[in-house]
Amino acid sequence: AFKTLQTEKADTIAAELGHKTPAAQTEACLKCHASGFDVDKALLGEKFKIEDGVQCETCHGAGSNYKSLKVMKNRQDAIANGLVVHEKNDVFCTSCHNAESPTHVDFKFDEMWEKIKHPTPKTN
């Protein structure tokens, strides 16, 4: 998602919307195209790169306390350790994939969900 902001077309759209900065530096664009743009940089891990765009944390929150398989095998433990679980995934996804986007195309949630869903690993 971030890479799309690094194009001349994205900069043109940002300018047409009245933004003075390139799309890749514009908060209104970054809010849906990159994780962590609005987070205190001191809180980000040393491997974090905004150029990686939308990452796990965008949907699931910071994962350092729940990312291990040992924790993830127990959903309640994962949630207790910070995993964010959305009760209505379609509502969360359409907070960005919606008609307010200047480049909106019809968003077929069910189709897209089939491509990205990743249920919690099964326990042994």
C-alpha atoms as a PDB file:
ATOM      1  CA  ALA A   1       0.000   0.000   0.000  1.00  0.00           C
ATOM      2  CA  PHE A   2       2.825   2.430   0.803  1.00  0.00           C
ATOM      3  CA  LYS A   3       4.410   1.932  -2.616  1.00  0.00           C
ATOM      4  CA  THR A   4       1.297   3.315  -4.292  1.00  0.00           C
ATOM      5  CA  LEU A   5       1.941   6.590  -2.456  1.00  0.00           C
ATOM      6  CA  GLN A   6       5.373   6.878  -4.047  1.00  0.00           C
ATOM      7  CA  THR A   7       4.004   7.514  -7.502  1.00  0.00           C
ATOM      8  CA  GLU A   8       3.468  10.660  -9.504  1.00  0.00           C
ATOM      9  CA  LYS A   9      -0.230   9.789  -9.731  1.00  0.00           C
ATOM     10  CA  ALA A  10      -0.516   9.654  -5.916  1.00  0.00           C
ATOM     11  CA  ASP A  11       1.245  13.010  -5.581  1.00  0.00           C
ATOM     12  CA  THR A  12      -1.128  14.505  -8.151  1.00  0.00           C
ATOM     13  CA  ILE A  13      -4.160  13.197  -6.255  1.00  0.00           C
ATOM     14  CA  ALA A  14      -2.787  14.550  -2.965  1.00  0.00           C
ATOM     15  CA  ALA A  15      -2.196  17.961  -4.554  1.00  0.00           C
ATOM     16  CA  GLU A  16      -5.688  17.995  -6.093  1.00  0.00           C
ATOM     17  CA  LEU A  17      -7.066  17.362  -2.594  1.00  0.00           C
ATOM     18  CA  GLY A  18      -5.187  20.411  -1.329  1.00  0.00           C
ATOM     19  CA  HIS A  19      -2.244  18.711   0.376  1.00  0.00           C
ATOM     20  CA  LYS A  20       1.099  20.513   0.221  1.00  0.00           C
ATOM     21  CA  THR A  21       3.273  17.438   0.779  1.00  0.00           C
ATOM     22  CA  PRO A  22       3.919  14.394  -1.413  1.00  0.00           C
ATOM     23  CA  ALA A  23       1.414  11.573  -0.844  1.00  0.00           C
ATOM     24  CA  ALA A  24       4.037   9.463   0.985  1.00  0.00           C
ATOM     25  CA  GLN A  25       4.338  12.266   3.556  1.00  0.00           C
ATOM     26  CA  THR A  26       0.666  13.200   3.828  1.00  0.00           C
ATOM     27  CA  GLU A  27      -1.181  12.061   6.967  1.00  0.00           C
ATOM     28  CA  ALA A  28      -4.501  11.696   5.151  1.00  0.00           C
ATOM     29  CA  CYS A  29      -2.846   9.179   2.819  1.00  0.00           C
ATOM     30  CA  LEU A  30      -0.619   7.464   5.367  1.00  0.00           C
ATOM     31  CA  LYS A  31      -3.503   6.633   7.694  1.00  0.00           C
ATOM     32  CA  CYS A  32      -4.582   3.860   5.312  1.00  0.00           C
ATOM     33  CA  HIS A  33      -1.329   3.103   3.498  1.00  0.00           C
ATOM     34  CA  ALA A  34       1.184   2.637   6.317  1.00  0.00           C
ATOM     35  CA  SER A  35       1.424   1.264   9.829  1.00  0.00           C
ATOM     36  CA  GLY A  36       2.986   3.347  12.565  1.00  0.00           C
ATOM     37  CA  PHE A  37       3.067   6.706  10.806  1.00  0.00           C
ATOM     38  CA  ASP A  38       1.411   8.374  13.797  1.00  0.00           C
ATOM     39  CA  VAL A  39       3.284   6.509  16.536  1.00  0.00           C
ATOM     40  CA  ASP A  40       6.104   7.960  18.628  1.00  0.00           C
ATOM     41  CA  LYS A  41       9.199   6.747  16.767  1.00  0.00           C
ATOM     42  CA  ALA A  42      10.792   5.784  20.102  1.00  0.00           C
ATOM     43  CA  LEU A  43       8.125   3.074  20.435  1.00  0.00           C
ATOM     44  CA  LEU A  44       8.916   1.461  17.095  1.00  0.00           C
ATOM     45  CA  GLY A  45      11.278  -1.493  16.833  1.00  0.00           C
ATOM     46  CA  GLU A  46      14.606  -1.003  15.109  1.00  0.00           C
ATOM     47  CA  LYS A  47      13.472  -3.187  12.181  1.00  0.00           C
ATOM     48  CA  PHE A  48      10.375  -1.030  11.563  1.00  0.00           C
ATOM     49  CA  LYS A  49      10.216   0.677   8.173  1.00  0.00           C
ATOM     50  CA  ILE A  50       7.250   2.774   7.114  1.00  0.00           C
ATOM     51  CA  GLU A  51       8.028   1.680   3.571  1.00  0.00           C
ATOM     52  CA  ASP A  52       6.698  -1.773   4.500  1.00  0.00           C
ATOM     53  CA  GLY A  53       3.230  -0.224   4.391  1.00  0.00           C
ATOM     54  CA  VAL A  54       0.280  -1.902   6.060  1.00  0.00           C
ATOM     55  CA  GLN A  55       1.635  -4.494   8.472  1.00  0.00           C
ATOM     56  CA  CYS A  56       0.271  -6.969  11.021  1.00  0.00           C
ATOM     57  CA  GLU A  57       0.087  -4.234  13.661  1.00  0.00           C
ATOM     58  CA  THR A  58      -2.371  -2.236  11.584  1.00  0.00           C
ATOM     59  CA  CYS A  59      -5.083  -4.774  12.317  1.00  0.00           C
ATOM     60  CA  HIS A  60      -3.784  -6.646  15.344  1.00  0.00           C
ATOM     61  CA  GLY A  61      -1.872  -4.100  17.444  1.00  0.00           C
ATOM     62  CA  ALA A  62       1.759  -4.232  18.531  1.00  0.00           C
ATOM     63  CA  GLY A  63       2.737  -7.883  18.657  1.00  0.00           C
ATOM     64  CA  SER A  64       5.865  -8.222  20.735  1.00  0.00           C
ATOM     65  CA  ASN A  65       3.942  -9.672  23.698  1.00  0.00           C
ATOM     66  CA  TYR A  66       1.740 -12.106  21.789  1.00  0.00           C
ATOM     67  CA  LYS A  67       3.595 -13.043  18.603  1.00  0.00           C
ATOM     68  CA  SER A  68       5.058 -16.338  19.817  1.00  0.00           C
ATOM     69  CA  LEU A  69       3.219 -19.475  18.749  1.00  0.00           C
ATOM     70  CA  LYS A  70       3.085 -20.557  22.393  1.00  0.00           C
ATOM     71  CA  VAL A  71       0.913 -17.524  23.212  1.00  0.00           C
ATOM     72  CA  MET A  72      -0.999 -17.478  19.924  1.00  0.00           C
ATOM     73  CA  LYS A  73      -2.204 -21.058  20.397  1.00  0.00           C
ATOM     74  CA  ASN A  74      -4.453 -19.798  23.181  1.00  0.00           C
ATOM     75  CA  ARG A  75      -6.694 -17.021  21.884  1.00  0.00           C
ATOM     76  CA  GLN A  76      -7.474 -15.643  25.353  1.00  0.00           C
ATOM     77  CA  ASP A  77      -3.763 -15.558  26.258  1.00  0.00           C
ATOM     78  CA  ALA A  78      -3.024 -13.755  23.008  1.00  0.00           C
ATOM     79  CA  ILE A  79      -5.762 -11.188  23.687  1.00  0.00           C
ATOM     80  CA  ALA A  80      -4.543 -10.765  27.265  1.00  0.00           C
ATOM     81  CA  ASN A  81      -1.088 -10.060  25.811  1.00  0.00           C
ATOM     82  CA  GLY A  82      -2.332  -7.372  23.433  1.00  0.00           C
ATOM     83  CA  LEU A  83      -3.729  -9.105  20.363  1.00  0.00           C
ATOM     84  CA  VAL A  84      -6.489  -6.951  18.894  1.00  0.00           C
ATOM     85  CA  VAL A  85      -9.400  -9.002  17.556  1.00  0.00           C
ATOM     86  CA  HIS A  86     -12.103  -7.233  15.589  1.00  0.00           C
ATOM     87  CA  GLU A  87     -15.607  -8.533  16.131  1.00  0.00           C
ATOM     88  CA  LYS A  88     -16.656  -7.169  12.747  1.00  0.00           C
ATOM     89  CA  ASN A  89     -13.775  -7.470  10.304  1.00  0.00           C
ATOM     90  CA  ASP A  90     -15.781  -5.939   7.483  1.00  0.00           C
ATOM     91  CA  VAL A  91     -16.339  -2.762   9.500  1.00  0.00           C
ATOM     92  CA  PHE A  92     -12.638  -2.510  10.322  1.00  0.00           C
ATOM     93  CA  CYS A  93     -11.541  -3.121   6.722  1.00  0.00           C
ATOM     94  CA  THR A  94     -13.970  -0.589   5.317  1.00  0.00           C
ATOM     95  CA  SER A  95     -12.533   2.105   7.567  1.00  0.00           C
ATOM     96  CA  CYS A  96     -10.002   2.449   4.710  1.00  0.00           C
ATOM     97  CA  HIS A  97     -11.589   0.557   1.827  1.00  0.00           C
ATOM     98  CA  ASN A  98     -14.514   2.923   1.315  1.00  0.00           C
ATOM     99  CA  ALA A  99     -15.933   5.581  -0.990  1.00  0.00           C
ATOM    100  CA  GLU A 100     -14.073   8.356   0.876  1.00  0.00           C
ATOM    101  CA  SER A 101     -10.851   7.147  -0.745  1.00  0.00           C
ATOM    102  CA  PRO A 102     -10.055   9.268  -3.807  1.00  0.00           C
ATOM    103  CA  THR A 103      -9.172   6.100  -5.754  1.00  0.00           C
ATOM    104  CA  HIS A 104     -11.987   3.914  -4.417  1.00  0.00           C
ATOM    105  CA  VAL A 105     -12.981   0.843  -6.351  1.00  0.00           C
ATOM    106  CA  ASP A 106     -15.757  -1.511  -5.341  1.00  0.00           C
ATOM    107  CA  PHE A 107     -14.511  -3.395  -2.280  1.00  0.00           C
ATOM    108  CA  LYS A 108     -15.790  -6.951  -2.132  1.00  0.00           C
ATOM    109  CA  PHE A 109     -15.098  -7.853   1.478  1.00  0.00           C
ATOM    110  CA  ASP A 110     -15.969 -11.565   1.236  1.00  0.00           C
ATOM    111  CA  GLU A 111     -13.678 -12.021  -1.773  1.00  0.00           C
ATOM    112  CA  MET A 112     -10.793 -10.140  -0.198  1.00  0.00           C
ATOM    113  CA  TRP A 113     -11.235 -11.816   3.189  1.00  0.00           C
ATOM    114  CA  GLU A 114     -10.762 -15.217   1.534  1.00  0.00           C
ATOM    115  CA  LYS A 115      -7.365 -14.001   0.281  1.00  0.00           C
ATOM    116  CA  ILE A 116      -6.052 -12.623   3.573  1.00  0.00           C
ATOM    117  CA  LYS A 117      -7.742 -14.464   6.429  1.00  0.00           C
ATOM    118  CA  HIS A 118      -5.363 -16.286   8.716  1.00  0.00           C
ATOM    119  CA  PRO A 119      -7.038 -18.007  11.647  1.00  0.00           C
ATOM    120  CA  THR A 120      -5.220 -18.584  14.900  1.00  0.00           C
ATOM    121  CA  PRO A 121      -2.983 -21.670  14.716  1.00  0.00           C
ATOM    122  CA  LYS A 122      -4.613 -24.866  15.959  1.00  0.00           C
ATOM    123  CA  THR A 123      -3.459 -26.217  19.270  1.00  0.00           C
ATOM    124  CA  ASN A 124      -1.850 -29.644  19.431  1.00  0.00           C
END
